[in-house]
Amino acid sequence: MIAVIVVRGGVLPSGADEAVAEAGGSAVLVGDGVRRAAAALVVRSGRVRVAEIGAFAPAAWAVALAPVLAAEDVVILPASPDGRDLAPRLAAALGRRLLAGATSISGDRVVLVRQGGLVAEEHEPDGPFVATLVPGCRGVEPGGGPPAVKVLALEVVPAGDAEVVEVLAPDPATVDLAEAARIVTGGGGLGGPGPFAVLERVALALGASFGATRVASDAGWAPADRYIGTTGVTVDPQLYVALAVSGAVQHVTGLGHPDHIVAVNTDPSAPLMGMADLAIVADAGAVLDQLADRLGIDRDVDA
């Protein structure tokens, strides 16, 4: 088994360490700034090879990687945007089936999630395959010391990839929550759709995306694609601000490992308050209103 990790600007994608751990520590890192990315891996065991091959070109990369990966029965990629793009091309280049959206991968058994995580499918592959692993589906045990890195020489020949005309900065309003660096989330304690309309504007004013708990999403106060949790979106932001979010296990398991957590709740014993770097015991709705006022946001605008 081996993991293939696409690197951009020396930054590991969401789910990279999990994919490497699922592959037993064996990985190939390809892209731009791969040595820096390899040094950032939490998983230290196994063998790591790096190929500095520049800008992302999934069609050309698949052709170049196929001979290197042909001897591996199982090839795992994180189900990040680039991983989801490269995986089917690799599967085609290797002549294998693709098992996308897995939560558990072994040589003889793969568990896939379907219908937003509500349904699990078990597969018993009868030959080599390529799979993508959903970020946040498993824990990672940190290893000791930097990985042993070897340089992999790859010859990349242009193969009909799209030309990149311009790369725009992500818009917090539309970016996939799984890739958002900052998220402001509201829970059922905010009490209705009005506060969530304010929450969205506050989040955007702070350069953040907005999220919701399942209770709030099921109540129709926030769109379903904003729901963070086991059966919703799995996130891993740098900053996570939670207003009126208790921290039920169904929510926390979709939270990943944020660098910083700020939680506001009237209940100091709420689970998320114990996880927070900064826990504020206060009425979350009142705090949201104060934030809106400080940011000059009109709270009377219709949702």
C-alpha atoms as a PDB file:
ATOM      1  CA  MET A   1       0.000   0.000   0.000  1.00  0.00           C
ATOM      2  CA  ILE A   2       1.135   3.520  -0.730  1.00  0.00           C
ATOM      3  CA  ALA A   3      -0.280   7.021  -0.402  1.00  0.00           C
ATOM      4  CA  VAL A   4       0.000   9.665  -3.103  1.00  0.00           C
ATOM      5  CA  ILE A   5      -0.109  13.226  -1.777  1.00  0.00           C
ATOM      6  CA  VAL A   6      -0.485  16.289  -3.993  1.00  0.00           C
ATOM      7  CA  VAL A   7       1.462  19.255  -2.595  1.00  0.00           C
ATOM      8  CA  ARG A   8       0.950  22.910  -3.496  1.00  0.00           C
ATOM      9  CA  GLY A   9       3.456  25.492  -2.305  1.00  0.00           C
ATOM     10  CA  GLY A  10       4.890  23.155   0.319  1.00  0.00           C
ATOM     11  CA  VAL A  11       1.510  22.745   2.040  1.00  0.00           C
ATOM     12  CA  LEU A  12      -0.003  19.334   2.747  1.00  0.00           C
ATOM     13  CA  PRO A  13      -3.656  18.955   1.738  1.00  0.00           C
ATOM     14  CA  SER A  14      -6.421  18.090   4.176  1.00  0.00           C
ATOM     15  CA  GLY A  15      -6.236  14.411   5.122  1.00  0.00           C
ATOM     16  CA  ALA A  16      -2.615  13.904   4.027  1.00  0.00           C
ATOM     17  CA  ASP A  17      -1.373  12.426   7.313  1.00  0.00           C
ATOM     18  CA  GLU A  18      -4.402  10.148   7.534  1.00  0.00           C
ATOM     19  CA  ALA A  19      -3.822   8.806   4.023  1.00  0.00           C
ATOM     20  CA  VAL A  20      -0.151   8.139   4.796  1.00  0.00           C
ATOM     21  CA  ALA A  21      -1.088   6.427   8.072  1.00  0.00           C
ATOM     22  CA  GLU A  22      -3.681   4.273   6.303  1.00  0.00           C
ATOM     23  CA  ALA A  23      -0.961   3.233   3.843  1.00  0.00           C
ATOM     24  CA  GLY A  24       1.319   2.170   6.699  1.00  0.00           C
ATOM     25  CA  GLY A  25       3.618   5.190   6.422  1.00  0.00           C
ATOM     26  CA  SER A  26       4.608   4.700   2.779  1.00  0.00           C
ATOM     27  CA  ALA A  27       4.037   7.723   0.543  1.00  0.00           C
ATOM     28  CA  VAL A  28       4.918   9.615  -2.605  1.00  0.00           C
ATOM     29  CA  LEU A  29       4.649  13.403  -2.391  1.00  0.00           C
ATOM     30  CA  VAL A  30       4.373  15.180  -5.738  1.00  0.00           C
ATOM     31  CA  GLY A  31       4.073  18.816  -6.672  1.00  0.00           C
ATOM     32  CA  ASP A  32       5.641  22.068  -5.524  1.00  0.00           C
ATOM     33  CA  GLY A  33       7.631  22.359  -2.275  1.00  0.00           C
ATOM     34  CA  VAL A  34       7.533  18.632  -1.572  1.00  0.00           C
ATOM     35  CA  ARG A  35      10.557  18.515   0.764  1.00  0.00           C
ATOM     36  CA  ARG A  36       9.015  21.128   3.057  1.00  0.00           C
ATOM     37  CA  ALA A  37       5.735  19.240   3.004  1.00  0.00           C
ATOM     38  CA  ALA A  38       7.464  15.941   3.822  1.00  0.00           C
ATOM     39  CA  ALA A  39       9.076  17.534   6.871  1.00  0.00           C
ATOM     40  CA  ALA A  40       5.603  18.598   8.057  1.00  0.00           C
ATOM     41  CA  LEU A  41       4.204  15.046   8.034  1.00  0.00           C
ATOM     42  CA  VAL A  42       3.105  13.854  11.468  1.00  0.00           C
ATOM     43  CA  VAL A  43       3.405  10.215  10.427  1.00  0.00           C
ATOM     44  CA  ARG A  44       7.116   9.413  10.563  1.00  0.00           C
ATOM     45  CA  SER A  45       7.306   5.689   9.845  1.00  0.00           C
ATOM     46  CA  GLY A  46       7.777   4.008   6.480  1.00  0.00           C
ATOM     47  CA  ARG A  47       9.368   5.351   3.339  1.00  0.00           C
ATOM     48  CA  VAL A  48       8.656   8.721   1.807  1.00  0.00           C
ATOM     49  CA  ARG A  49       9.634   9.664  -1.720  1.00  0.00           C
ATOM     50  CA  VAL A  50       9.303  13.164  -3.131  1.00  0.00           C
ATOM     51  CA  ALA A  51       9.065  14.438  -6.692  1.00  0.00           C
ATOM     52  CA  GLU A  52       9.372  18.157  -7.353  1.00  0.00           C
ATOM     53  CA  ILE A  53       7.357  18.443 -10.578  1.00  0.00           C
ATOM     54  CA  GLY A  54       5.796  21.886 -10.374  1.00  0.00           C
ATOM     55  CA  ALA A  55       2.217  22.985 -10.899  1.00  0.00           C
ATOM     56  CA  PHE A  56      -0.658  20.546 -10.602  1.00  0.00           C
ATOM     57  CA  ALA A  57      -1.312  18.705 -13.867  1.00  0.00           C
ATOM     58  CA  PRO A  58      -3.375  15.593 -13.035  1.00  0.00           C
ATOM     59  CA  ALA A  59      -3.515  14.083 -16.529  1.00  0.00           C
ATOM     60  CA  ALA A  60       0.251  14.317 -17.061  1.00  0.00           C
ATOM     61  CA  TRP A  61       1.026  13.284 -13.486  1.00  0.00           C
ATOM     62  CA  ALA A  62      -1.136  10.171 -13.737  1.00  0.00           C
ATOM     63  CA  VAL A  63       0.830   8.967 -16.753  1.00  0.00           C
ATOM     64  CA  ALA A  64       4.162   9.720 -15.050  1.00  0.00           C
ATOM     65  CA  LEU A  65       3.179   8.067 -11.752  1.00  0.00           C
ATOM     66  CA  ALA A  66       1.621   4.906 -13.183  1.00  0.00           C
ATOM     67  CA  PRO A  67       4.918   3.001 -13.721  1.00  0.00           C
ATOM     68  CA  VAL A  68       6.087   3.937 -10.210  1.00  0.00           C
ATOM     69  CA  LEU A  69       2.866   2.726  -8.598  1.00  0.00           C
ATOM     70  CA  ALA A  70       2.256  -0.372 -10.730  1.00  0.00           C
ATOM     71  CA  ALA A  71       3.795  -2.726  -8.145  1.00  0.00           C
ATOM     72  CA  GLU A  72       1.560  -1.397  -5.332  1.00  0.00           C
ATOM     73  CA  ASP A  73      -1.719  -3.282  -4.908  1.00  0.00           C
ATOM     74  CA  VAL A  74      -3.413  -0.389  -3.130  1.00  0.00           C
ATOM     75  CA  VAL A  75      -2.927   3.307  -3.922  1.00  0.00           C
ATOM     76  CA  ILE A  76      -4.520   5.788  -1.488  1.00  0.00           C
ATOM     77  CA  LEU A  77      -5.104   9.500  -1.996  1.00  0.00           C
ATOM     78  CA  PRO A  78      -6.743  11.906   0.462  1.00  0.00           C
ATOM     79  CA  ALA A  79     -10.190  12.966  -0.724  1.00  0.00           C
ATOM     80  CA  SER A  80      -9.052  16.582  -0.948  1.00  0.00           C
ATOM     81  CA  PRO A  81      -9.980  18.519  -4.120  1.00  0.00           C
ATOM     82  CA  ASP A  82      -6.670  17.643  -5.818  1.00  0.00           C
ATOM     83  CA  GLY A  83      -6.817  14.056  -4.571  1.00  0.00           C
ATOM     84  CA  ARG A  84     -10.325  13.634  -5.967  1.00  0.00           C
ATOM     85  CA  ASP A  85      -9.104  15.031  -9.285  1.00  0.00           C
ATOM     86  CA  LEU A  86      -5.970  12.886  -9.584  1.00  0.00           C
ATOM     87  CA  ALA A  87      -7.401   9.602  -8.260  1.00  0.00           C
ATOM     88  CA  PRO A  88      -9.680   8.678 -11.203  1.00  0.00           C
ATOM     89  CA  ARG A  89      -6.940   9.560 -13.677  1.00  0.00           C
ATOM     90  CA  LEU A  90      -4.496   7.345 -11.798  1.00  0.00           C
ATOM     91  CA  ALA A  91      -7.021   4.530 -11.733  1.00  0.00           C
ATOM     92  CA  ALA A  92      -7.478   4.826 -15.502  1.00  0.00           C
ATOM     93  CA  ALA A  93      -3.727   4.964 -16.140  1.00  0.00           C
ATOM     94  CA  LEU A  94      -3.209   1.858 -13.983  1.00  0.00           C
ATOM     95  CA  GLY A  95      -6.229   0.040 -15.401  1.00  0.00           C
ATOM     96  CA  ARG A  96      -7.822  -0.354 -11.964  1.00  0.00           C
ATOM     97  CA  ARG A  97     -11.134   0.303 -10.287  1.00  0.00           C
ATOM     98  CA  LEU A  98     -11.585   3.414  -8.169  1.00  0.00           C
ATOM     99  CA  LEU A  99     -13.167   3.250  -4.708  1.00  0.00           C
ATOM    100  CA  ALA A 100     -13.965   6.856  -3.810  1.00  0.00           C
ATOM    101  CA  GLY A 101     -14.936   8.259  -0.419  1.00  0.00           C
ATOM    102  CA  ALA A 102     -13.549   5.602   1.922  1.00  0.00           C
ATOM    103  CA  THR A 103     -13.388   5.720   5.706  1.00  0.00           C
ATOM    104  CA  SER A 104     -11.366   2.508   6.044  1.00  0.00           C
ATOM    105  CA  ILE A 105      -9.004   0.878   3.561  1.00  0.00           C
ATOM    106  CA  SER A 106      -7.169  -2.429   3.629  1.00  0.00           C
ATOM    107  CA  GLY A 107      -6.076  -4.825   0.924  1.00  0.00           C
ATOM    108  CA  ASP A 108      -9.209  -6.967   1.204  1.00  0.00           C
ATOM    109  CA  ARG A 109     -11.844  -4.632   2.639  1.00  0.00           C
ATOM    110  CA  VAL A 110     -12.875  -1.031   1.927  1.00  0.00           C
ATOM    111  CA  VAL A 111     -15.674   0.887   3.642  1.00  0.00           C
ATOM    112  CA  LEU A 112     -17.197   3.723   1.614  1.00  0.00           C
ATOM    113  CA  VAL A 113     -19.608   6.413   2.779  1.00  0.00           C
ATOM    114  CA  ARG A 114     -22.607   7.382   0.682  1.00  0.00           C
ATOM    115  CA  GLN A 115     -25.559   9.792   0.958  1.00  0.00           C
ATOM    116  CA  GLY A 116     -23.673  12.315   3.042  1.00  0.00           C
ATOM    117  CA  GLY A 117     -22.351   9.690   5.425  1.00  0.00           C
ATOM    118  CA  LEU A 118     -25.744   8.143   6.204  1.00  0.00           C
ATOM    119  CA  VAL A 119     -24.940   4.894   4.401  1.00  0.00           C
ATOM    120  CA  ALA A 120     -21.788   2.751   4.616  1.00  0.00           C
ATOM    121  CA  GLU A 121     -20.885   0.344   1.819  1.00  0.00           C
ATOM    122  CA  GLU A 122     -18.450  -2.519   2.328  1.00  0.00           C
ATOM    123  CA  HIS A 123     -16.412  -3.734  -0.640  1.00  0.00           C
ATOM    124  CA  GLU A 124     -14.064  -6.699  -0.937  1.00  0.00           C
ATOM    125  CA  PRO A 125     -11.778  -5.837  -3.870  1.00  0.00           C
ATOM    126  CA  ASP A 126     -10.687  -8.794  -5.980  1.00  0.00           C
ATOM    127  CA  GLY A 127      -7.609  -7.056  -7.359  1.00  0.00           C
ATOM    128  CA  PRO A 128      -5.444  -3.920  -7.151  1.00  0.00           C
ATOM    129  CA  PHE A 129      -7.339  -0.651  -6.781  1.00  0.00           C
ATOM    130  CA  VAL A 130      -7.099   3.098  -6.171  1.00  0.00           C
ATOM    131  CA  ALA A 131      -9.055   4.684  -3.299  1.00  0.00           C
ATOM    132  CA  THR A 132      -9.636   8.099  -1.777  1.00  0.00           C
ATOM    133  CA  LEU A 133      -9.799   8.483   2.013  1.00  0.00           C
ATOM    134  CA  VAL A 134     -12.206  10.981   3.579  1.00  0.00           C
ATOM    135  CA  PRO A 135     -10.281  13.508   5.733  1.00  0.00           C
ATOM    136  CA  GLY A 136     -11.059  13.333   9.434  1.00  0.00           C
ATOM    137  CA  CYS A 137     -12.234   9.718   9.404  1.00  0.00           C
ATOM    138  CA  ARG A 138      -9.377   8.327  11.489  1.00  0.00           C
ATOM    139  CA  GLY A 139      -6.826   9.446  14.026  1.00  0.00           C
ATOM    140  CA  VAL A 140      -3.091   9.684  13.466  1.00  0.00           C
ATOM    141  CA  GLU A 141      -0.397   8.603  15.896  1.00  0.00           C
ATOM    142  CA  PRO A 142       2.573  11.000  15.693  1.00  0.00           C
ATOM    143  CA  GLY A 143       5.928   9.339  15.116  1.00  0.00           C
ATOM    144  CA  GLY A 144       9.405  10.369  16.168  1.00  0.00           C
ATOM    145  CA  GLY A 145      11.986  12.161  14.077  1.00  0.00           C
ATOM    146  CA  PRO A 146      11.806  13.373  10.488  1.00  0.00           C
ATOM    147  CA  PRO A 147      10.895  10.874   7.761  1.00  0.00           C
ATOM    148  CA  ALA A 148      13.576   9.292   5.610  1.00  0.00           C
ATOM    149  CA  VAL A 149      13.071  11.073   2.301  1.00  0.00           C
ATOM    150  CA  LYS A 150      14.294   9.909  -1.091  1.00  0.00           C
ATOM    151  CA  VAL A 151      14.063  11.903  -4.293  1.00  0.00           C
ATOM    152  CA  LEU A 152      11.973  10.349  -7.039  1.00  0.00           C
ATOM    153  CA  ALA A 153      12.794  11.346 -10.608  1.00  0.00           C
ATOM    154  CA  LEU A 154       9.651  11.650 -12.705  1.00  0.00           C
ATOM    155  CA  GLU A 155       9.455  12.613 -16.355  1.00  0.00           C
ATOM    156  CA  VAL A 156       6.256  14.582 -16.862  1.00  0.00           C
ATOM    157  CA  VAL A 157       5.063  14.980 -20.424  1.00  0.00           C
ATOM    158  CA  PRO A 158       2.169  17.383 -21.163  1.00  0.00           C
ATOM    159  CA  ALA A 159      -1.029  15.387 -21.550  1.00  0.00           C
ATOM    160  CA  GLY A 160      -3.937  17.713 -22.252  1.00  0.00           C
ATOM    161  CA  ASP A 161      -4.341  19.344 -18.851  1.00  0.00           C
ATOM    162  CA  ALA A 162      -6.289  22.575 -18.580  1.00  0.00           C
ATOM    163  CA  GLU A 163      -4.220  25.747 -18.742  1.00  0.00           C
ATOM    164  CA  VAL A 164      -4.245  27.826 -15.559  1.00  0.00           C
ATOM    165  CA  VAL A 165      -5.053  31.400 -16.552  1.00  0.00           C
ATOM    166  CA  GLU A 166      -5.325  32.866 -13.056  1.00  0.00           C
ATOM    167  CA  VAL A 167      -5.525  31.650  -9.462  1.00  0.00           C
ATOM    168  CA  LEU A 168      -7.990  33.640  -7.375  1.00  0.00           C
ATOM    169  CA  ALA A 169      -7.924  33.851  -3.605  1.00  0.00           C
ATOM    170  CA  PRO A 170     -10.661  31.689  -2.056  1.00  0.00           C
ATOM    171  CA  ASP A 171     -13.912  33.486  -1.290  1.00  0.00           C
ATOM    172  CA  PRO A 172     -15.001  32.605   2.270  1.00  0.00           C
ATOM    173  CA  ALA A 173     -18.629  32.836   1.126  1.00  0.00           C
ATOM    174  CA  THR A 174     -18.307  30.038  -1.423  1.00  0.00           C
ATOM    175  CA  VAL A 175     -15.209  28.014  -0.502  1.00  0.00           C
ATOM    176  CA  ASP A 176     -15.786  24.359   0.363  1.00  0.00           C
ATOM    177  CA  LEU A 177     -15.994  24.208   4.164  1.00  0.00           C
ATOM    178  CA  ALA A 178     -13.569  21.291   4.118  1.00  0.00           C
ATOM    179  CA  GLU A 179     -10.926  23.685   2.764  1.00  0.00           C
ATOM    180  CA  ALA A 180     -11.815  26.794   4.804  1.00  0.00           C
ATOM    181  CA  ALA A 181      -9.024  28.219   6.962  1.00  0.00           C
ATOM    182  CA  ARG A 182     -11.389  30.123   9.275  1.00  0.00           C
ATOM    183  CA  ILE A 183     -14.901  29.101  10.263  1.00  0.00           C
ATOM    184  CA  VAL A 184     -17.519  30.741  12.494  1.00  0.00           C
ATOM    185  CA  THR A 185     -20.203  28.215  13.461  1.00  0.00           C
ATOM    186  CA  GLY A 186     -23.577  28.616  15.125  1.00  0.00           C
ATOM    187  CA  GLY A 187     -25.517  26.054  17.110  1.00  0.00           C
ATOM    188  CA  GLY A 188     -29.134  25.538  18.053  1.00  0.00           C
ATOM    189  CA  GLY A 189     -28.735  27.898  20.989  1.00  0.00           C
ATOM    190  CA  LEU A 190     -28.789  30.891  18.621  1.00  0.00           C
ATOM    191  CA  GLY A 191     -32.507  30.232  18.381  1.00  0.00           C
ATOM    192  CA  GLY A 192     -33.623  30.928  14.830  1.00  0.00           C
ATOM    193  CA  PRO A 193     -32.914  31.918  11.217  1.00  0.00           C
ATOM    194  CA  GLY A 194     -32.412  35.614  12.014  1.00  0.00           C
ATOM    195  CA  PRO A 195     -29.228  35.118  14.061  1.00  0.00           C
ATOM    196  CA  PHE A 196     -27.852  32.815  11.362  1.00  0.00           C
ATOM    197  CA  ALA A 197     -28.310  35.543   8.741  1.00  0.00           C
ATOM    198  CA  VAL A 198     -26.281  37.809  11.026  1.00  0.00           C
ATOM    199  CA  LEU A 199     -23.768  35.014  11.677  1.00  0.00           C
ATOM    200  CA  GLU A 200     -23.082  34.651   7.947  1.00  0.00           C
ATOM    201  CA  ARG A 201     -22.419  38.383   7.542  1.00  0.00           C
ATOM    202  CA  VAL A 202     -20.233  38.486  10.665  1.00  0.00           C
ATOM    203  CA  ALA A 203     -18.193  35.532   9.430  1.00  0.00           C
ATOM    204  CA  LEU A 204     -17.623  37.127   6.018  1.00  0.00           C
ATOM    205  CA  ALA A 205     -16.630  40.428   7.646  1.00  0.00           C
ATOM    206  CA  LEU A 206     -14.005  38.471   9.603  1.00  0.00           C
ATOM    207  CA  GLY A 207     -12.734  36.765   6.437  1.00  0.00           C
ATOM    208  CA  ALA A 208     -14.220  33.456   7.553  1.00  0.00           C
ATOM    209  CA  SER A 209     -16.728  30.927   6.275  1.00  0.00           C
ATOM    210  CA  PHE A 210     -19.823  30.161   8.302  1.00  0.00           C
ATOM    211  CA  GLY A 211     -20.965  26.791   9.536  1.00  0.00           C
ATOM    212  CA  ALA A 212     -23.763  25.214  11.537  1.00  0.00           C
ATOM    213  CA  THR A 213     -24.535  22.234  13.721  1.00  0.00           C
ATOM    214  CA  ARG A 214     -26.968  19.533  12.625  1.00  0.00           C
ATOM    215  CA  VAL A 215     -29.698  20.912  14.897  1.00  0.00           C
ATOM    216  CA  ALA A 216     -29.497  24.295  13.183  1.00  0.00           C
ATOM    217  CA  SER A 217     -29.281  22.773   9.710  1.00  0.00           C
ATOM    218  CA  ASP A 218     -32.206  20.397  10.296  1.00  0.00           C
ATOM    219  CA  ALA A 219     -34.266  23.346  11.538  1.00  0.00           C
ATOM    220  CA  GLY A 220     -33.660  25.109   8.231  1.00  0.00           C
ATOM    221  CA  TRP A 221     -31.683  27.958   9.758  1.00  0.00           C
ATOM    222  CA  ALA A 222     -28.615  27.187   7.617  1.00  0.00           C
ATOM    223  CA  PRO A 223     -28.120  25.316   4.315  1.00  0.00           C
ATOM    224  CA  ALA A 224     -27.330  21.610   4.521  1.00  0.00           C
ATOM    225  CA  ASP A 225     -23.859  22.154   3.024  1.00  0.00           C
ATOM    226  CA  ARG A 226     -22.967  24.269   6.085  1.00  0.00           C
ATOM    227  CA  TYR A 227     -23.569  21.420   8.513  1.00  0.00           C
ATOM    228  CA  ILE A 228     -20.358  20.243  10.219  1.00  0.00           C
ATOM    229  CA  GLY A 229     -20.335  16.787  11.755  1.00  0.00           C
ATOM    230  CA  THR A 230     -20.102  13.034  11.338  1.00  0.00           C
ATOM    231  CA  THR A 231     -22.761  12.920   8.610  1.00  0.00           C
ATOM    232  CA  GLY A 232     -22.036  16.407   7.314  1.00  0.00           C
ATOM    233  CA  VAL A 233     -18.862  18.201   6.286  1.00  0.00           C
ATOM    234  CA  THR A 234     -15.516  17.326   7.887  1.00  0.00           C
ATOM    235  CA  VAL A 235     -13.388  20.428   8.448  1.00  0.00           C
ATOM    236  CA  ASP A 236      -9.878  21.172   9.693  1.00  0.00           C
ATOM    237  CA  PRO A 237      -9.505  24.972   9.945  1.00  0.00           C
ATOM    238  CA  GLN A 238      -6.782  27.074  11.469  1.00  0.00           C
ATOM    239  CA  LEU A 239      -9.372  29.012  13.498  1.00  0.00           C
ATOM    240  CA  TYR A 240     -12.746  27.703  14.668  1.00  0.00           C
ATOM    241  CA  VAL A 241     -15.176  30.045  16.446  1.00  0.00           C
ATOM    242  CA  ALA A 242     -18.234  28.299  17.884  1.00  0.00           C
ATOM    243  CA  LEU A 243     -21.275  30.233  19.106  1.00  0.00           C
ATOM    244  CA  ALA A 244     -23.842  28.273  21.139  1.00  0.00           C
ATOM    245  CA  VAL A 245     -22.269  24.951  20.094  1.00  0.00           C
ATOM    246  CA  SER A 246     -22.254  22.430  22.925  1.00  0.00           C
ATOM    247  CA  GLY A 247     -19.815  20.035  21.261  1.00  0.00           C
ATOM    248  CA  ALA A 248     -21.796  16.813  20.914  1.00  0.00           C
ATOM    249  CA  VAL A 249     -19.717  13.896  19.680  1.00  0.00           C
ATOM    250  CA  GLN A 250     -21.503  13.934  16.301  1.00  0.00           C
ATOM    251  CA  HIS A 251     -20.242  17.475  15.770  1.00  0.00           C
ATOM    252  CA  VAL A 252     -16.760  17.130  17.239  1.00  0.00           C
ATOM    253  CA  THR A 253     -15.918  14.082  15.114  1.00  0.00           C
ATOM    254  CA  GLY A 254     -16.315  16.268  12.033  1.00  0.00           C
ATOM    255  CA  LEU A 255     -14.166  19.043  13.456  1.00  0.00           C
ATOM    256  CA  GLY A 256     -10.695  17.737  12.665  1.00  0.00           C
ATOM    257  CA  HIS A 257      -7.854  19.372  14.593  1.00  0.00           C
ATOM    258  CA  PRO A 258      -8.175  23.186  14.451  1.00  0.00           C
ATOM    259  CA  ASP A 259      -5.097  25.178  15.447  1.00  0.00           C
ATOM    260  CA  HIS A 260      -7.258  27.445  17.630  1.00  0.00           C
ATOM    261  CA  ILE A 261     -10.793  27.065  19.016  1.00  0.00           C
ATOM    262  CA  VAL A 262     -12.870  29.890  20.504  1.00  0.00           C
ATOM    263  CA  ALA A 263     -16.129  28.776  22.123  1.00  0.00           C
ATOM    264  CA  VAL A 264     -18.953  30.952  23.466  1.00  0.00           C
ATOM    265  CA  ASN A 265     -21.616  29.262  25.579  1.00  0.00           C
ATOM    266  CA  THR A 266     -23.654  29.903  28.715  1.00  0.00           C
ATOM    267  CA  ASP A 267     -22.755  26.411  29.929  1.00  0.00           C
ATOM    268  CA  PRO A 268     -19.132  26.310  31.114  1.00  0.00           C
ATOM    269  CA  SER A 269     -19.252  22.502  31.267  1.00  0.00           C
ATOM    270  CA  ALA A 270     -20.189  22.068  27.592  1.00  0.00           C
ATOM    271  CA  PRO A 271     -17.734  19.645  25.924  1.00  0.00           C
ATOM    272  CA  LEU A 272     -16.502  22.176  23.367  1.00  0.00           C
ATOM    273  CA  MET A 273     -15.722  24.675  26.132  1.00  0.00           C
ATOM    274  CA  GLY A 274     -13.269  22.130  27.530  1.00  0.00           C
ATOM    275  CA  MET A 275     -11.620  21.777  24.117  1.00  0.00           C
ATOM    276  CA  ALA A 276     -11.358  25.521  23.483  1.00  0.00           C
ATOM    277  CA  ASP A 277      -8.194  27.612  23.640  1.00  0.00           C
ATOM    278  CA  LEU A 278     -10.476  30.482  24.645  1.00  0.00           C
ATOM    279  CA  ALA A 279     -13.768  29.633  26.348  1.00  0.00           C
ATOM    280  CA  ILE A 280     -16.159  32.550  26.944  1.00  0.00           C
ATOM    281  CA  VAL A 281     -19.077  31.992  29.315  1.00  0.00           C
ATOM    282  CA  ALA A 282     -21.702  34.318  27.874  1.00  0.00           C
ATOM    283  CA  ASP A 283     -24.893  34.401  25.847  1.00  0.00           C
ATOM    284  CA  ALA A 284     -23.773  33.576  22.306  1.00  0.00           C
ATOM    285  CA  GLY A 285     -26.601  35.532  20.713  1.00  0.00           C
ATOM    286  CA  ALA A 286     -25.619  38.667  22.633  1.00  0.00           C
ATOM    287  CA  VAL A 287     -21.958  38.185  21.691  1.00  0.00           C
ATOM    288  CA  LEU A 288     -22.977  37.789  18.032  1.00  0.00           C
ATOM    289  CA  ASP A 289     -24.966  41.031  18.193  1.00  0.00           C
ATOM    290  CA  GLN A 290     -22.009  42.854  19.736  1.00  0.00           C
ATOM    291  CA  LEU A 291     -19.709  41.538  17.008  1.00  0.00           C
ATOM    292  CA  ALA A 292     -22.154  42.717  14.357  1.00  0.00           C
ATOM    293  CA  ASP A 293     -22.323  46.178  15.922  1.00  0.00           C
ATOM    294  CA  ARG A 294     -18.526  46.433  16.179  1.00  0.00           C
ATOM    295  CA  LEU A 295     -18.194  45.409  12.525  1.00  0.00           C
ATOM    296  CA  GLY A 296     -20.854  47.868  11.380  1.00  0.00           C
ATOM    297  CA  ILE A 297     -23.246  45.151  10.229  1.00  0.00           C
ATOM    298  CA  ASP A 298     -26.968  45.967  10.034  1.00  0.00           C
ATOM    299  CA  ARG A 299     -28.712  43.298  12.098  1.00  0.00           C
ATOM    300  CA  ASP A 300     -32.157  44.302  10.824  1.00  0.00           C
ATOM    301  CA  VAL A 301     -31.510  43.209   7.222  1.00  0.00           C
ATOM    302  CA  ASP A 302     -33.829  40.345   6.192  1.00  0.00           C
ATOM    303  CA  ALA A 303     -32.271  36.871   6.049  1.00  0.00           C
END
